[in-house]
PDB file of all heavy atoms in Angstrom:
ATOM      1  N   ALA A   1     -11.632 -43.833 -27.151  1.00  0.00           N
ATOM      2  CA  ALA A   1     -11.453 -42.385 -27.286  1.00  0.00           C
ATOM      3  C   ALA A   1     -10.684 -42.051 -28.553  1.00  0.00           C
ATOM      4  O   ALA A   1     -11.016 -41.096 -29.270  1.00  0.00           O
ATOM      5  CB  ALA A   1     -10.731 -41.829 -26.057  1.00  0.00           C
ATOM      6  N   THR A   2      -9.655 -42.846 -28.868  1.00  0.00           N
ATOM      7  CA  THR A   2      -8.870 -42.604 -30.079  1.00  0.00           C
ATOM      8  C   THR A   2      -9.716 -42.788 -31.331  1.00  0.00           C
ATOM      9  O   THR A   2      -9.622 -42.007 -32.280  1.00  0.00           O
ATOM     10  CB  THR A   2      -7.662 -43.553 -30.120  1.00  0.00           C
ATOM     11  OG1 THR A   2      -6.837 -43.323 -28.970  1.00  0.00           O
ATOM     12  CG2 THR A   2      -6.837 -43.329 -31.375  1.00  0.00           C
ATOM     13  N   GLN A   3     -10.570 -43.806 -31.330  1.00  0.00           N
ATOM     14  CA  GLN A   3     -11.428 -44.045 -32.482  1.00  0.00           C
ATOM     15  C   GLN A   3     -12.426 -42.909 -32.683  1.00  0.00           C
ATOM     16  O   GLN A   3     -12.660 -42.449 -33.807  1.00  0.00           O
ATOM     17  CB  GLN A   3     -12.188 -45.375 -32.306  1.00  0.00           C
ATOM     18  CG  GLN A   3     -11.312 -46.613 -32.291  1.00  0.00           C
ATOM     19  CD  GLN A   3     -10.756 -46.948 -33.658  1.00  0.00           C
ATOM     20  OE1 GLN A   3     -11.141 -46.370 -34.666  1.00  0.00           O
ATOM     21  NE2 GLN A   3      -9.832 -47.899 -33.710  1.00  0.00           N
ATOM     22  N   VAL A   4     -13.012 -42.427 -31.602  1.00  0.00           N
ATOM     23  CA  VAL A   4     -13.974 -41.330 -31.697  1.00  0.00           C
ATOM     24  C   VAL A   4     -13.295 -40.056 -32.187  1.00  0.00           C
ATOM     25  O   VAL A   4     -13.815 -39.331 -33.047  1.00  0.00           O
ATOM     26  CB  VAL A   4     -14.662 -41.088 -30.340  1.00  0.00           C
ATOM     27  CG1 VAL A   4     -15.515 -39.826 -30.375  1.00  0.00           C
ATOM     28  CG2 VAL A   4     -15.517 -42.289 -29.963  1.00  0.00           C
ATOM     29  N   LEU A   5     -12.110 -39.759 -31.646  1.00  0.00           N
ATOM     30  CA  LEU A   5     -11.378 -38.564 -32.068  1.00  0.00           C
ATOM     31  C   LEU A   5     -10.891 -38.663 -33.508  1.00  0.00           C
ATOM     32  O   LEU A   5     -10.582 -37.641 -34.135  1.00  0.00           O
ATOM     33  CB  LEU A   5     -10.180 -38.330 -31.132  1.00  0.00           C
ATOM     34  CG  LEU A   5     -10.538 -37.943 -29.687  1.00  0.00           C
ATOM     35  CD1 LEU A   5      -9.293 -37.920 -28.823  1.00  0.00           C
ATOM     36  CD2 LEU A   5     -11.237 -36.584 -29.658  1.00  0.00           C
ATOM     37  N   SER A   6     -10.829 -39.878 -34.054  1.00  0.00           N
ATOM     38  CA  SER A   6     -10.426 -40.076 -35.439  1.00  0.00           C
ATOM     39  C   SER A   6     -11.605 -40.007 -36.400  1.00  0.00           C
ATOM     40  O   SER A   6     -11.443 -40.232 -37.596  1.00  0.00           O
ATOM     41  CB  SER A   6      -9.716 -41.435 -35.600  1.00  0.00           C
ATOM     42  OG  SER A   6      -8.559 -41.493 -34.793  1.00  0.00           O
ATOM     43  N   GLY A   7     -12.794 -39.710 -35.874  1.00  0.00           N
ATOM     44  CA  GLY A   7     -13.964 -39.585 -36.721  1.00  0.00           C
ATOM     45  C   GLY A   7     -14.731 -40.874 -36.914  1.00  0.00           C
ATOM     46  O   GLY A   7     -15.542 -40.973 -37.842  1.00  0.00           O
ATOM     47  N   HIS A   8     -14.497 -41.862 -36.068  1.00  0.00           N
ATOM     48  CA  HIS A   8     -15.197 -43.131 -36.172  1.00  0.00           C
ATOM     49  C   HIS A   8     -16.387 -43.164 -35.223  1.00  0.00           C
ATOM     50  O   HIS A   8     -16.381 -42.512 -34.175  1.00  0.00           O
ATOM     51  CB  HIS A   8     -14.263 -44.306 -35.859  1.00  0.00           C
ATOM     52  CG  HIS A   8     -13.122 -44.408 -36.806  1.00  0.00           C
ATOM     53  ND1 HIS A   8     -12.124 -45.356 -36.664  1.00  0.00           N
ATOM     54  CD2 HIS A   8     -12.799 -43.706 -37.913  1.00  0.00           C
ATOM     55  CE1 HIS A   8     -11.243 -45.219 -37.642  1.00  0.00           C
ATOM     56  NE2 HIS A   8     -11.632 -44.219 -38.410  1.00  0.00           N
ATOM     57  N   ALA A   9     -17.389 -43.952 -35.607  1.00  0.00           N
ATOM     58  CA  ALA A   9     -18.525 -44.205 -34.716  1.00  0.00           C
ATOM     59  C   ALA A   9     -18.254 -45.505 -33.961  1.00  0.00           C
ATOM     60  O   ALA A   9     -17.851 -46.507 -34.560  1.00  0.00           O
ATOM     61  CB  ALA A   9     -19.818 -44.310 -35.513  1.00  0.00           C
ATOM     62  N   VAL A  10     -18.457 -45.490 -32.657  1.00  0.00           N
ATOM     63  CA  VAL A  10     -18.167 -46.655 -31.824  1.00  0.00           C
ATOM     64  C   VAL A  10     -19.462 -47.201 -31.236  1.00  0.00           C
ATOM     65  O   VAL A  10     -20.245 -46.454 -30.649  1.00  0.00           O
ATOM     66  CB  VAL A  10     -17.180 -46.292 -30.698  1.00  0.00           C
ATOM     67  CG1 VAL A  10     -16.896 -47.505 -29.820  1.00  0.00           C
ATOM     68  CG2 VAL A  10     -15.878 -45.756 -31.278  1.00  0.00           C
ATOM     69  N   VAL A  11     -19.670 -48.492 -31.429  1.00  0.00           N
ATOM     70  CA  VAL A  11     -20.858 -49.173 -30.905  1.00  0.00           C
ATOM     71  C   VAL A  11     -20.430 -50.052 -29.739  1.00  0.00           C
ATOM     72  O   VAL A  11     -19.586 -50.941 -29.898  1.00  0.00           O
ATOM     73  CB  VAL A  11     -21.540 -50.028 -31.995  1.00  0.00           C
ATOM     74  CG1 VAL A  11     -22.763 -50.733 -31.426  1.00  0.00           C
ATOM     75  CG2 VAL A  11     -21.933 -49.158 -33.177  1.00  0.00           C
ATOM     76  N   ILE A  12     -21.006 -49.778 -28.565  1.00  0.00           N
ATOM     77  CA  ILE A  12     -20.685 -50.535 -27.358  1.00  0.00           C
ATOM     78  C   ILE A  12     -21.911 -51.347 -26.959  1.00  0.00           C
ATOM     79  O   ILE A  12     -22.980 -50.787 -26.700  1.00  0.00           O
ATOM     80  CB  ILE A  12     -20.258 -49.599 -26.208  1.00  0.00           C
ATOM     81  CG1 ILE A  12     -19.047 -48.749 -26.641  1.00  0.00           C
ATOM     82  CG2 ILE A  12     -19.924 -50.405 -24.959  1.00  0.00           C
ATOM     83  CD1 ILE A  12     -18.617 -47.746 -25.596  1.00  0.00           C
ATOM     84  N   VAL A  13     -21.769 -52.653 -26.921  1.00  0.00           N
ATOM     85  CA  VAL A  13     -22.863 -53.560 -26.576  1.00  0.00           C
ATOM     86  C   VAL A  13     -22.742 -53.956 -25.117  1.00  0.00           C
ATOM     87  O   VAL A  13     -21.654 -54.340 -24.657  1.00  0.00           O
ATOM     88  CB  VAL A  13     -22.852 -54.809 -27.478  1.00  0.00           C
ATOM     89  CG1 VAL A  13     -23.993 -55.744 -27.122  1.00  0.00           C
ATOM     90  CG2 VAL A  13     -22.933 -54.399 -28.944  1.00  0.00           C
ATOM     91  N   ASP A  14     -23.836 -53.853 -24.387  1.00  0.00           N
ATOM     92  CA  ASP A  14     -23.832 -54.187 -22.967  1.00  0.00           C
ATOM     93  C   ASP A  14     -23.440 -55.651 -22.765  1.00  0.00           C
ATOM     94  O   ASP A  14     -24.013 -56.556 -23.387  1.00  0.00           O
ATOM     95  CB  ASP A  14     -25.231 -53.929 -22.382  1.00  0.00           C
ATOM     96  CG  ASP A  14     -25.258 -54.100 -20.863  1.00  0.00           C
ATOM     97  OD1 ASP A  14     -24.177 -53.993 -20.238  1.00  0.00           O
ATOM     98  OD2 ASP A  14     -26.343 -54.339 -20.308  1.00  0.00           O
ATOM     99  N   GLY A  15     -22.446 -55.864 -21.938  1.00  0.00           N
ATOM    100  CA  GLY A  15     -21.973 -57.209 -21.647  1.00  0.00           C
ATOM    101  C   GLY A  15     -20.808 -57.665 -22.500  1.00  0.00           C
ATOM    102  O   GLY A  15     -20.217 -58.706 -22.232  1.00  0.00           O
ATOM    103  N   SER A  16     -20.472 -56.895 -23.525  1.00  0.00           N
ATOM    104  CA  SER A  16     -19.361 -57.261 -24.403  1.00  0.00           C
ATOM    105  C   SER A  16     -18.100 -56.518 -23.987  1.00  0.00           C
ATOM    106  O   SER A  16     -18.153 -55.361 -23.575  1.00  0.00           O
ATOM    107  CB  SER A  16     -19.701 -56.936 -25.858  1.00  0.00           C
ATOM    108  OG  SER A  16     -18.599 -57.196 -26.700  1.00  0.00           O
ATOM    109  N   ARG A  17     -16.957 -57.168 -24.119  1.00  0.00           N
ATOM    110  CA  ARG A  17     -15.677 -56.558 -23.768  1.00  0.00           C
ATOM    111  C   ARG A  17     -15.018 -55.876 -24.951  1.00  0.00           C
ATOM    112  O   ARG A  17     -13.948 -55.282 -24.802  1.00  0.00           O
ATOM    113  CB  ARG A  17     -14.733 -57.620 -23.199  1.00  0.00           C
ATOM    114  CG  ARG A  17     -15.199 -58.218 -21.875  1.00  0.00           C
ATOM    115  CD  ARG A  17     -14.150 -59.160 -21.313  1.00  0.00           C
ATOM    116  NE  ARG A  17     -14.551 -59.692 -20.021  1.00  0.00           N
ATOM    117  CZ  ARG A  17     -13.784 -60.511 -19.294  1.00  0.00           C
ATOM    118  NH1 ARG A  17     -12.582 -60.893 -19.756  1.00  0.00           N
ATOM    119  NH2 ARG A  17     -14.209 -60.953 -18.129  1.00  0.00           N
ATOM    120  N   THR A  18     -15.616 -55.985 -26.114  1.00  0.00           N
ATOM    121  CA  THR A  18     -15.054 -55.384 -27.322  1.00  0.00           C
ATOM    122  C   THR A  18     -16.072 -54.445 -27.953  1.00  0.00           C
ATOM    123  O   THR A  18     -17.241 -54.808 -28.113  1.00  0.00           O
ATOM    124  CB  THR A  18     -14.655 -56.468 -28.338  1.00  0.00           C
ATOM    125  OG1 THR A  18     -13.717 -57.365 -27.726  1.00  0.00           O
ATOM    126  CG2 THR A  18     -14.010 -55.836 -29.555  1.00  0.00           C
ATOM    127  N   ALA A  19     -15.639 -53.243 -28.278  1.00  0.00           N
ATOM    128  CA  ALA A  19     -16.503 -52.263 -28.956  1.00  0.00           C
ATOM    129  C   ALA A  19     -16.208 -52.289 -30.450  1.00  0.00           C
ATOM    130  O   ALA A  19     -15.075 -52.519 -30.876  1.00  0.00           O
ATOM    131  CB  ALA A  19     -16.258 -50.866 -28.389  1.00  0.00           C
ATOM    132  N   LEU A  20     -17.237 -52.052 -31.236  1.00  0.00           N
ATOM    133  CA  LEU A  20     -17.102 -52.056 -32.689  1.00  0.00           C
ATOM    134  C   LEU A  20     -16.957 -50.628 -33.191  1.00  0.00           C
ATOM    135  O   LEU A  20     -17.795 -49.771 -32.905  1.00  0.00           O
ATOM    136  CB  LEU A  20     -18.329 -52.703 -33.339  1.00  0.00           C
ATOM    137  CG  LEU A  20     -18.361 -52.741 -34.873  1.00  0.00           C
ATOM    138  CD1 LEU A  20     -17.203 -53.590 -35.394  1.00  0.00           C
ATOM    139  CD2 LEU A  20     -19.692 -53.275 -35.373  1.00  0.00           C
ATOM    140  N   ALA A  21     -15.882 -50.354 -33.925  1.00  0.00           N
ATOM    141  CA  ALA A  21     -15.619 -49.023 -34.468  1.00  0.00           C
ATOM    142  C   ALA A  21     -15.842 -49.040 -35.968  1.00  0.00           C
ATOM    143  O   ALA A  21     -15.327 -49.918 -36.671  1.00  0.00           O
ATOM    144  CB  ALA A  21     -14.189 -48.594 -34.157  1.00  0.00           C
ATOM    145  N   CYS A  22     -16.607 -48.072 -36.463  1.00  0.00           N
ATOM    146  CA  CYS A  22     -16.919 -47.965 -37.883  1.00  0.00           C
ATOM    147  C   CYS A  22     -16.456 -46.607 -38.394  1.00  0.00           C
ATOM    148  O   CYS A  22     -16.752 -45.579 -37.769  1.00  0.00           O
ATOM    149  CB  CYS A  22     -18.418 -48.130 -38.126  1.00  0.00           C
ATOM    150  SG  CYS A  22     -19.116 -49.658 -37.479  1.00  0.00           S
ATOM    151  N   ASP A  23     -15.783 -46.617 -39.502  1.00  0.00           N
ATOM    152  CA  ASP A  23     -15.287 -45.371 -40.084  1.00  0.00           C
ATOM    153  C   ASP A  23     -16.417 -44.673 -40.842  1.00  0.00           C
ATOM    154  O   ASP A  23     -16.835 -45.124 -41.908  1.00  0.00           O
ATOM    155  CB  ASP A  23     -14.118 -45.664 -41.024  1.00  0.00           C
ATOM    156  CG  ASP A  23     -13.425 -44.388 -41.498  1.00  0.00           C
ATOM    157  OD1 ASP A  23     -13.871 -43.294 -41.104  1.00  0.00           O
ATOM    158  OD2 ASP A  23     -12.435 -44.496 -42.245  1.00  0.00           O
ATOM    159  N   VAL A  24     -16.917 -43.581 -40.296  1.00  0.00           N
ATOM    160  CA  VAL A  24     -17.985 -42.811 -40.933  1.00  0.00           C
ATOM    161  C   VAL A  24     -17.503 -41.415 -41.316  1.00  0.00           C
ATOM    162  O   VAL A  24     -18.296 -40.569 -41.716  1.00  0.00           O
ATOM    163  CB  VAL A  24     -19.216 -42.695 -40.010  1.00  0.00           C
ATOM    164  CG1 VAL A  24     -19.820 -44.059 -39.753  1.00  0.00           C
ATOM    165  CG2 VAL A  24     -18.834 -42.040 -38.685  1.00  0.00           C
ATOM    166  N   SER A  25     -16.209 -41.174 -41.174  1.00  0.00           N
ATOM    167  CA  SER A  25     -15.658 -39.858 -41.490  1.00  0.00           C
ATOM    168  C   SER A  25     -15.532 -39.687 -42.996  1.00  0.00           C
ATOM    169  O   SER A  25     -15.365 -40.653 -43.741  1.00  0.00           O
ATOM    170  CB  SER A  25     -14.291 -39.682 -40.833  1.00  0.00           C
ATOM    171  OG  SER A  25     -13.379 -40.646 -41.329  1.00  0.00           O
ATOM    172  N   MET A  26     -15.603 -38.456 -43.440  1.00  0.00           N
ATOM    173  CA  MET A  26     -15.425 -38.124 -44.855  1.00  0.00           C
ATOM    174  C   MET A  26     -14.431 -36.985 -44.975  1.00  0.00           C
ATOM    175  O   MET A  26     -14.783 -35.844 -45.303  1.00  0.00           O
ATOM    176  CB  MET A  26     -16.761 -37.744 -45.490  1.00  0.00           C
ATOM    177  CG  MET A  26     -17.790 -38.868 -45.478  1.00  0.00           C
ATOM    178  SD  MET A  26     -19.335 -38.382 -46.278  1.00  0.00           S
ATOM    179  CE  MET A  26     -18.769 -38.090 -47.951  1.00  0.00           C
ATOM    180  N   PRO A  27     -13.162 -37.246 -44.660  1.00  0.00           N
ATOM    181  CA  PRO A  27     -12.168 -36.168 -44.697  1.00  0.00           C
ATOM    182  C   PRO A  27     -11.869 -35.722 -46.116  1.00  0.00           C
ATOM    183  O   PRO A  27     -11.872 -36.522 -47.054  1.00  0.00           O
ATOM    184  CB  PRO A  27     -10.935 -36.815 -44.052  1.00  0.00           C
ATOM    185  CG  PRO A  27     -11.099 -38.279 -44.330  1.00  0.00           C
ATOM    186  CD  PRO A  27     -12.572 -38.541 -44.293  1.00  0.00           C
ATOM    187  N   LYS A  28     -11.611 -34.439 -46.282  1.00  0.00           N
ATOM    188  CA  LYS A  28     -11.240 -33.910 -47.586  1.00  0.00           C
ATOM    189  C   LYS A  28      -9.753 -34.137 -47.811  1.00  0.00           C
ATOM    190  O   LYS A  28      -8.945 -33.940 -46.906  1.00  0.00           O
ATOM    191  CB  LYS A  28     -11.562 -32.425 -47.666  1.00  0.00           C
ATOM    192  CG  LYS A  28     -13.053 -32.114 -47.621  1.00  0.00           C
ATOM    193  CD  LYS A  28     -13.305 -30.623 -47.777  1.00  0.00           C
ATOM    194  CE  LYS A  28     -14.800 -30.323 -47.759  1.00  0.00           C
ATOM    195  NZ  LYS A  28     -15.063 -28.865 -47.908  1.00  0.00           N
ATOM    196  N   SER A  29      -9.403 -34.536 -49.000  1.00  0.00           N
ATOM    197  CA  SER A  29      -7.994 -34.799 -49.318  1.00  0.00           C
ATOM    198  C   SER A  29      -7.626 -34.124 -50.628  1.00  0.00           C
ATOM    199  O   SER A  29      -8.490 -33.827 -51.470  1.00  0.00           O
ATOM    200  CB  SER A  29      -7.723 -36.301 -49.413  1.00  0.00           C
ATOM    201  OG  SER A  29      -8.540 -36.895 -50.411  1.00  0.00           O
ATOM    202  N   ARG A  30      -6.349 -33.885 -50.788  1.00  0.00           N
ATOM    203  CA  ARG A  30      -5.841 -33.271 -52.004  1.00  0.00           C
ATOM    204  C   ARG A  30      -5.938 -34.246 -53.170  1.00  0.00           C
ATOM    205  O   ARG A  30      -5.806 -35.454 -53.001  1.00  0.00           O
ATOM    206  CB  ARG A  30      -4.392 -32.842 -51.768  1.00  0.00           C
ATOM    207  CG  ARG A  30      -3.724 -32.135 -52.914  1.00  0.00           C
ATOM    208  CD  ARG A  30      -2.421 -31.485 -52.434  1.00  0.00           C
ATOM    209  NE  ARG A  30      -1.554 -32.442 -51.772  1.00  0.00           N
ATOM    210  CZ  ARG A  30      -0.647 -33.178 -52.399  1.00  0.00           C
ATOM    211  NH1 ARG A  30      -0.496 -33.076 -53.704  1.00  0.00           N
ATOM    212  NH2 ARG A  30       0.119 -34.015 -51.724  1.00  0.00           N
ATOM    213  N   ALA A  31      -6.189 -33.724 -54.356  1.00  0.00           N
ATOM    214  CA  ALA A  31      -6.306 -34.572 -55.537  1.00  0.00           C
ATOM    215  C   ALA A  31      -4.989 -35.289 -55.827  1.00  0.00           C
ATOM    216  O   ALA A  31      -3.905 -34.802 -55.490  1.00  0.00           O
ATOM    217  CB  ALA A  31      -6.725 -33.737 -56.746  1.00  0.00           C
ATOM    218  N   ILE A  32      -5.086 -36.455 -56.449  1.00  0.00           N
ATOM    219  CA  ILE A  32      -3.907 -37.227 -56.818  1.00  0.00           C
ATOM    220  C   ILE A  32      -3.321 -36.631 -58.092  1.00  0.00           C
ATOM    221  O   ILE A  32      -3.915 -36.718 -59.167  1.00  0.00           O
ATOM    222  CB  ILE A  32      -4.261 -38.701 -57.025  1.00  0.00           C
ATOM    223  CG1 ILE A  32      -4.786 -39.296 -55.712  1.00  0.00           C
ATOM    224  CG2 ILE A  32      -3.054 -39.487 -57.528  1.00  0.00           C
ATOM    225  CD1 ILE A  32      -5.272 -40.727 -55.842  1.00  0.00           C
ATOM    226  N   THR A  33      -2.155 -36.020 -57.970  1.00  0.00           N
ATOM    227  CA  THR A  33      -1.495 -35.367 -59.100  1.00  0.00           C
ATOM    228  C   THR A  33      -0.037 -35.806 -59.164  1.00  0.00           C
ATOM    229  O   THR A  33       0.468 -36.489 -58.257  1.00  0.00           O
ATOM    230  CB  THR A  33      -1.564 -33.836 -58.967  1.00  0.00           C
ATOM    231  OG1 THR A  33      -0.960 -33.447 -57.727  1.00  0.00           O
ATOM    232  CG2 THR A  33      -3.011 -33.348 -59.001  1.00  0.00           C
TER     233      THR A  33
END
């Protein structure tokens, strides 16, 4: 739930105890000045 709310895509494989989270978010950020 935390990964999804952070803008990540989560892949859950049937039979696996670990889900794979991929960062697909593109947040806007302030320029480096």
